[in-house]
N, C-alpha and C. Protein backbone atom coordinates (compact mmCIF):
# COMPACT_ATOMS: atom_id res chain seq x y z
N MET A 1 87.73 93.68 67.19
CA MET A 1 89.08 93.64 67.73
C MET A 1 89.96 92.70 66.91
N ASN A 2 89.36 91.62 66.43
CA ASN A 2 90.15 90.69 65.61
C ASN A 2 90.61 91.35 64.32
N GLU A 3 89.75 92.20 63.76
CA GLU A 3 90.12 92.91 62.53
C GLU A 3 91.28 93.88 62.80
N LEU A 4 91.22 94.57 63.92
CA LEU A 4 92.31 95.48 64.29
C LEU A 4 93.61 94.70 64.47
N ARG A 5 93.51 93.55 65.11
CA ARG A 5 94.70 92.71 65.32
C ARG A 5 95.30 92.29 63.98
N SER A 6 94.46 91.94 63.04
CA SER A 6 94.94 91.55 61.71
C SER A 6 95.63 92.71 61.01
N VAL A 7 95.06 93.90 61.12
CA VAL A 7 95.66 95.08 60.50
C VAL A 7 97.03 95.36 61.11
N ILE A 8 97.13 95.25 62.42
CA ILE A 8 98.42 95.47 63.10
C ILE A 8 99.44 94.43 62.66
N ASP A 9 99.02 93.15 62.62
CA ASP A 9 99.94 92.09 62.20
C ASP A 9 100.40 92.31 60.76
N ASP A 10 99.49 92.71 59.89
CA ASP A 10 99.83 92.98 58.49
C ASP A 10 100.83 94.14 58.40
N ALA A 11 100.57 95.20 59.15
CA ALA A 11 101.47 96.35 59.13
C ALA A 11 102.85 95.97 59.64
N LEU A 12 102.91 95.13 60.65
CA LEU A 12 104.20 94.70 61.19
C LEU A 12 105.01 93.89 60.16
N ARG A 13 104.32 93.15 59.31
CA ARG A 13 105.01 92.39 58.27
C ARG A 13 105.58 93.30 57.19
N ARG A 14 104.93 94.45 56.95
CA ARG A 14 105.34 95.36 55.89
C ARG A 14 106.36 96.40 56.34
N LEU A 15 106.34 96.76 57.61
CA LEU A 15 107.21 97.83 58.11
C LEU A 15 108.59 97.31 58.48
N SER A 16 109.55 98.20 58.41
CA SER A 16 110.89 97.88 58.90
C SER A 16 110.81 97.72 60.42
N PRO A 17 111.36 96.65 60.96
CA PRO A 17 111.28 96.44 62.41
C PRO A 17 111.91 97.56 63.24
N LYS A 18 112.78 98.36 62.63
CA LYS A 18 113.44 99.43 63.38
C LYS A 18 112.69 100.76 63.29
N SER A 19 111.61 100.81 62.52
CA SER A 19 110.86 102.06 62.41
C SER A 19 110.10 102.33 63.70
N ASN A 20 109.85 103.60 63.96
CA ASN A 20 109.11 103.98 65.16
C ASN A 20 107.70 103.40 65.16
N MET A 21 107.06 103.39 63.99
CA MET A 21 105.71 102.84 63.90
C MET A 21 105.71 101.35 64.23
N ALA A 22 106.68 100.61 63.69
CA ALA A 22 106.75 99.17 63.97
C ALA A 22 107.01 98.93 65.46
N LYS A 23 107.84 99.75 66.07
CA LYS A 23 108.12 99.60 67.50
C LYS A 23 106.85 99.83 68.32
N ALA A 24 106.09 100.85 67.94
CA ALA A 24 104.85 101.16 68.66
C ALA A 24 103.82 100.04 68.49
N LEU A 25 103.65 99.57 67.26
CA LEU A 25 102.70 98.49 67.00
C LEU A 25 103.13 97.19 67.69
N SER A 26 104.42 96.93 67.67
CA SER A 26 104.95 95.73 68.32
C SER A 26 104.72 95.78 69.83
N TYR A 27 104.89 96.96 70.40
CA TYR A 27 104.66 97.14 71.84
C TYR A 27 103.21 96.75 72.18
N GLY A 28 102.26 97.29 71.42
CA GLY A 28 100.86 96.98 71.67
C GLY A 28 100.53 95.52 71.39
N ARG A 29 101.11 94.98 70.34
CA ARG A 29 100.83 93.59 69.95
C ARG A 29 101.33 92.61 71.02
N LYS A 30 102.48 92.91 71.61
CA LYS A 30 103.02 92.03 72.66
C LYS A 30 102.15 92.06 73.91
N ARG A 31 101.40 93.12 74.08
CA ARG A 31 100.54 93.27 75.26
C ARG A 31 99.06 93.15 74.89
N TRP A 32 98.77 92.46 73.82
CA TRP A 32 97.41 92.38 73.29
C TRP A 32 96.40 91.88 74.32
N ASP A 33 96.75 90.83 75.08
CA ASP A 33 95.82 90.29 76.08
C ASP A 33 95.46 91.33 77.12
N ALA A 34 96.45 92.06 77.60
CA ALA A 34 96.19 93.10 78.59
C ALA A 34 95.39 94.26 77.99
N LEU A 35 95.70 94.60 76.74
CA LEU A 35 95.01 95.72 76.08
C LEU A 35 93.54 95.42 75.81
N THR A 36 93.21 94.16 75.62
CA THR A 36 91.82 93.80 75.28
C THR A 36 91.07 93.16 76.44
N ARG A 37 91.67 93.11 77.59
CA ARG A 37 91.02 92.47 78.74
C ARG A 37 89.70 93.15 79.11
N TYR A 38 89.59 94.46 78.89
CA TYR A 38 88.37 95.18 79.25
C TYR A 38 87.14 94.64 78.51
N ILE A 39 87.34 93.98 77.38
CA ILE A 39 86.21 93.44 76.61
C ILE A 39 85.55 92.29 77.37
N ASP A 40 86.36 91.44 78.00
CA ASP A 40 85.83 90.27 78.71
C ASP A 40 85.53 90.54 80.17
N GLU A 41 86.16 91.54 80.74
CA GLU A 41 85.97 91.87 82.16
C GLU A 41 85.12 93.12 82.27
N GLY A 42 83.89 92.98 82.70
CA GLY A 42 82.98 94.12 82.78
C GLY A 42 83.43 95.22 83.72
N ALA A 43 84.18 94.87 84.75
CA ALA A 43 84.63 95.88 85.71
C ALA A 43 85.90 96.59 85.27
N ALA A 44 86.59 96.05 84.27
CA ALA A 44 87.85 96.64 83.83
C ALA A 44 87.59 97.88 82.99
N GLU A 45 88.43 98.88 83.19
CA GLU A 45 88.34 100.12 82.42
C GLU A 45 89.14 99.98 81.13
N ILE A 46 88.75 100.72 80.11
CA ILE A 46 89.48 100.69 78.85
C ILE A 46 90.81 101.43 78.95
N ASP A 47 90.93 102.31 79.92
CA ASP A 47 92.17 103.06 80.11
C ASP A 47 92.50 103.13 81.59
N ASN A 48 93.61 103.75 81.91
CA ASN A 48 94.01 103.87 83.32
C ASN A 48 93.95 105.33 83.78
N ASN A 49 93.02 106.09 83.24
CA ASN A 49 92.93 107.51 83.59
C ASN A 49 92.69 107.74 85.08
N ILE A 50 91.92 106.88 85.72
CA ILE A 50 91.65 107.04 87.15
C ILE A 50 92.96 106.97 87.94
N ALA A 51 93.77 105.98 87.63
CA ALA A 51 95.06 105.84 88.32
C ALA A 51 95.99 107.00 87.98
N GLU A 52 95.99 107.41 86.72
CA GLU A 52 96.85 108.53 86.30
C GLU A 52 96.47 109.81 87.04
N ARG A 53 95.17 110.08 87.18
CA ARG A 53 94.74 111.28 87.89
C ARG A 53 95.11 111.20 89.37
N ALA A 54 95.06 110.00 89.93
CA ALA A 54 95.37 109.84 91.35
C ALA A 54 96.84 110.12 91.65
N ILE A 55 97.73 109.74 90.75
CA ILE A 55 99.16 109.94 91.02
C ILE A 55 99.70 111.24 90.42
N ARG A 56 98.88 111.99 89.71
CA ARG A 56 99.33 113.23 89.09
C ARG A 56 99.95 114.21 90.10
N PRO A 57 99.30 114.46 91.25
CA PRO A 57 99.92 115.39 92.21
C PRO A 57 101.30 114.94 92.66
N VAL A 58 101.51 113.64 92.79
CA VAL A 58 102.82 113.13 93.20
C VAL A 58 103.84 113.41 92.11
N ALA A 59 103.45 113.15 90.85
CA ALA A 59 104.39 113.37 89.74
C ALA A 59 104.74 114.85 89.60
N ILE A 60 103.76 115.71 89.75
CA ILE A 60 104.03 117.15 89.66
C ILE A 60 104.85 117.60 90.87
N GLY A 61 104.47 117.11 92.03
CA GLY A 61 105.20 117.46 93.25
C GLY A 61 106.65 117.05 93.21
N ARG A 62 106.92 115.90 92.62
CA ARG A 62 108.29 115.40 92.54
C ARG A 62 109.20 116.43 91.86
N LYS A 63 108.67 117.09 90.83
CA LYS A 63 109.45 118.11 90.14
C LYS A 63 109.64 119.35 91.02
N ASN A 64 108.64 119.65 91.83
CA ASN A 64 108.71 120.84 92.67
C ASN A 64 109.51 120.62 93.96
N TRP A 65 109.51 119.41 94.46
CA TRP A 65 110.15 119.15 95.74
C TRP A 65 111.66 119.32 95.70
N ILE A 66 112.25 119.25 94.52
CA ILE A 66 113.71 119.43 94.47
C ILE A 66 114.11 120.85 94.85
N PHE A 67 113.14 121.75 94.90
CA PHE A 67 113.42 123.13 95.25
C PHE A 67 113.07 123.44 96.70
N ALA A 68 112.98 122.41 97.53
CA ALA A 68 112.61 122.61 98.94
C ALA A 68 113.64 123.46 99.67
N GLY A 69 114.89 123.43 99.24
CA GLY A 69 115.91 124.28 99.84
C GLY A 69 116.89 123.55 100.72
N SER A 70 116.39 122.62 101.51
CA SER A 70 117.27 121.85 102.39
C SER A 70 116.57 120.56 102.76
N LYS A 71 117.31 119.68 103.38
CA LYS A 71 116.72 118.42 103.81
C LYS A 71 115.59 118.66 104.82
N ALA A 72 115.83 119.57 105.76
CA ALA A 72 114.81 119.88 106.77
C ALA A 72 113.55 120.45 106.12
N SER A 73 113.73 121.32 105.12
CA SER A 73 112.56 121.89 104.42
C SER A 73 111.80 120.80 103.69
N GLY A 74 112.52 119.89 103.07
CA GLY A 74 111.88 118.78 102.38
C GLY A 74 111.09 117.90 103.33
N GLU A 75 111.65 117.67 104.52
CA GLU A 75 110.95 116.86 105.52
C GLU A 75 109.69 117.56 106.02
N ARG A 76 109.77 118.88 106.20
CA ARG A 76 108.58 119.64 106.61
C ARG A 76 107.51 119.60 105.52
N ALA A 77 107.94 119.76 104.28
CA ALA A 77 106.99 119.71 103.16
C ALA A 77 106.33 118.34 103.09
N ALA A 78 107.11 117.28 103.27
CA ALA A 78 106.57 115.93 103.24
C ALA A 78 105.54 115.74 104.34
N ALA A 79 105.82 116.28 105.53
CA ALA A 79 104.86 116.17 106.64
C ALA A 79 103.56 116.90 106.31
N ILE A 80 103.66 118.09 105.75
CA ILE A 80 102.46 118.85 105.39
C ILE A 80 101.67 118.12 104.31
N TYR A 81 102.38 117.63 103.29
CA TYR A 81 101.69 116.88 102.22
C TYR A 81 100.99 115.65 102.80
N SER A 82 101.62 114.99 103.76
CA SER A 82 101.01 113.82 104.39
C SER A 82 99.72 114.20 105.12
N VAL A 83 99.77 115.31 105.83
CA VAL A 83 98.58 115.78 106.55
C VAL A 83 97.46 116.11 105.55
N ILE A 84 97.80 116.79 104.49
CA ILE A 84 96.81 117.17 103.48
C ILE A 84 96.17 115.94 102.86
N GLU A 85 96.98 114.98 102.45
CA GLU A 85 96.43 113.79 101.80
C GLU A 85 95.64 112.93 102.79
N THR A 86 96.07 112.87 104.04
CA THR A 86 95.32 112.12 105.05
C THR A 86 93.96 112.77 105.29
N ALA A 87 93.93 114.09 105.32
CA ALA A 87 92.66 114.78 105.48
C ALA A 87 91.73 114.46 104.30
N LYS A 88 92.27 114.50 103.09
CA LYS A 88 91.45 114.18 101.91
C LYS A 88 90.90 112.77 101.97
N LEU A 89 91.75 111.82 102.38
CA LEU A 89 91.32 110.42 102.47
C LEU A 89 90.21 110.23 103.52
N ASN A 90 90.17 111.13 104.48
CA ASN A 90 89.14 111.06 105.52
C ASN A 90 87.94 111.94 105.22
N GLY A 91 87.87 112.45 103.99
CA GLY A 91 86.73 113.24 103.56
C GLY A 91 86.68 114.63 104.17
N ILE A 92 87.82 115.16 104.55
CA ILE A 92 87.90 116.47 105.19
C ILE A 92 88.59 117.44 104.26
N GLU A 93 88.09 118.66 104.20
CA GLU A 93 88.73 119.70 103.40
C GLU A 93 90.00 120.10 104.14
N PRO A 94 91.18 119.87 103.54
CA PRO A 94 92.45 120.08 104.25
C PRO A 94 92.65 121.48 104.81
N GLN A 95 92.28 122.50 104.09
CA GLN A 95 92.50 123.86 104.57
C GLN A 95 91.69 124.13 105.84
N ALA A 96 90.43 123.67 105.86
CA ALA A 96 89.59 123.86 107.05
C ALA A 96 90.18 123.10 108.24
N TYR A 97 90.64 121.90 107.98
CA TYR A 97 91.22 121.07 109.05
C TYR A 97 92.46 121.74 109.64
N ILE A 98 93.40 122.11 108.78
CA ILE A 98 94.65 122.69 109.27
C ILE A 98 94.39 124.01 109.98
N ALA A 99 93.53 124.86 109.40
CA ALA A 99 93.23 126.15 110.03
C ALA A 99 92.60 125.95 111.40
N ASP A 100 91.67 125.00 111.51
CA ASP A 100 91.00 124.76 112.79
C ASP A 100 91.99 124.23 113.83
N VAL A 101 92.83 123.31 113.44
CA VAL A 101 93.80 122.75 114.39
C VAL A 101 94.77 123.84 114.86
N ILE A 102 95.27 124.63 113.92
CA ILE A 102 96.22 125.69 114.30
C ILE A 102 95.55 126.74 115.19
N GLU A 103 94.32 127.09 114.87
CA GLU A 103 93.62 128.14 115.61
C GLU A 103 93.18 127.69 116.99
N ASN A 104 92.76 126.46 117.14
CA ASN A 104 92.11 126.02 118.37
C ASN A 104 92.98 125.18 119.30
N ILE A 105 94.16 124.84 118.91
CA ILE A 105 95.01 124.01 119.76
C ILE A 105 96.05 124.90 120.43
N PRO A 106 96.12 124.89 121.74
CA PRO A 106 97.11 125.71 122.43
C PRO A 106 98.52 125.20 122.18
N GLY A 107 99.49 126.07 122.32
CA GLY A 107 100.89 125.73 122.07
C GLY A 107 101.46 124.68 123.00
N ASP A 108 100.81 124.47 124.14
CA ASP A 108 101.35 123.49 125.09
C ASP A 108 100.58 122.16 125.03
N TRP A 109 100.04 121.83 123.86
CA TRP A 109 99.29 120.59 123.69
C TRP A 109 100.23 119.41 123.97
N PRO A 110 99.85 118.49 124.86
CA PRO A 110 100.75 117.39 125.22
C PRO A 110 100.89 116.37 124.09
N ALA A 111 102.09 115.87 123.93
CA ALA A 111 102.36 114.89 122.88
C ALA A 111 101.53 113.62 123.07
N THR A 112 101.14 113.33 124.29
CA THR A 112 100.34 112.13 124.54
C THR A 112 98.93 112.24 123.96
N ARG A 113 98.51 113.45 123.57
CA ARG A 113 97.16 113.66 123.04
C ARG A 113 97.16 114.02 121.55
N TRP A 114 98.30 113.81 120.85
CA TRP A 114 98.37 114.14 119.44
C TRP A 114 97.35 113.34 118.62
N GLY A 115 97.03 112.15 119.07
CA GLY A 115 96.05 111.31 118.37
C GLY A 115 94.70 112.00 118.21
N GLU A 116 94.35 112.86 119.15
CA GLU A 116 93.08 113.58 119.07
C GLU A 116 93.06 114.58 117.92
N LEU A 117 94.24 114.98 117.45
CA LEU A 117 94.32 115.98 116.39
C LEU A 117 94.32 115.36 114.99
N MET A 118 94.39 114.04 114.91
CA MET A 118 94.47 113.39 113.60
C MET A 118 93.17 113.59 112.82
N PRO A 119 93.25 113.66 111.51
CA PRO A 119 92.06 113.92 110.69
C PRO A 119 90.91 112.94 110.94
N TRP A 120 91.20 111.69 111.22
CA TRP A 120 90.12 110.73 111.44
C TRP A 120 89.42 110.93 112.77
N ASN A 121 89.98 111.75 113.66
CA ASN A 121 89.34 112.07 114.94
C ASN A 121 88.79 113.49 114.97
N TRP A 122 89.01 114.27 113.92
CA TRP A 122 88.69 115.69 113.91
C TRP A 122 87.25 115.93 113.48
N HIS A 123 86.60 116.87 114.12
CA HIS A 123 85.26 117.31 113.76
C HIS A 123 85.23 118.83 113.89
N LEU A 124 84.46 119.47 113.03
CA LEU A 124 84.33 120.92 113.14
C LEU A 124 83.74 121.28 114.50
N SER A 125 84.24 122.36 115.07
CA SER A 125 83.69 122.83 116.34
C SER A 125 82.28 123.37 116.09
N GLU A 126 81.48 123.48 117.14
CA GLU A 126 80.11 123.98 117.00
C GLU A 126 80.11 125.40 116.41
N ARG A 127 81.08 126.21 116.79
CA ARG A 127 81.19 127.56 116.28
C ARG A 127 81.40 127.55 114.76
N ASP A 128 82.30 126.65 114.29
CA ASP A 128 82.58 126.57 112.86
C ASP A 128 81.37 126.06 112.08
N VAL A 129 80.64 125.13 112.66
CA VAL A 129 79.42 124.63 112.01
C VAL A 129 78.41 125.76 111.87
N ALA A 130 78.29 126.59 112.92
CA ALA A 130 77.36 127.72 112.89
C ALA A 130 77.79 128.74 111.83
N GLN A 131 79.10 128.99 111.73
CA GLN A 131 79.60 129.94 110.73
C GLN A 131 79.40 129.41 109.32
N ALA A 132 79.55 128.11 109.13
CA ALA A 132 79.38 127.52 107.80
C ALA A 132 77.91 127.58 107.36
N ALA A 133 77.00 127.54 108.32
CA ALA A 133 75.56 127.59 107.98
C ALA A 133 75.19 129.00 107.68
């Protein structure tokens, strides 16, 4: 790593400070401690791919959400996305969860019992377990 640092420093001395290459090298050089922290920290990753993959659906969705059509449609989409992500966080396949809740909950379900429908309280019915087997 020290050799790489020397090469970067040497290149920065030779390049025009306004060149794109010098700007890129300068960016990395200014953040050298953060860029090389993974060497001293065994738990640190060399890249941030895990974080990038985690936020990818949000970044893609942001581009798609502008086409929701109206404020009310956007709010409905946000609610559905919240349900889907909450199901995932609770180790539940979102499509199975939503289908089961829609199919098995009567239309007059009282608002005081909505907590029972949340993904962290949901379990497949015995019938669904039998069908899955």
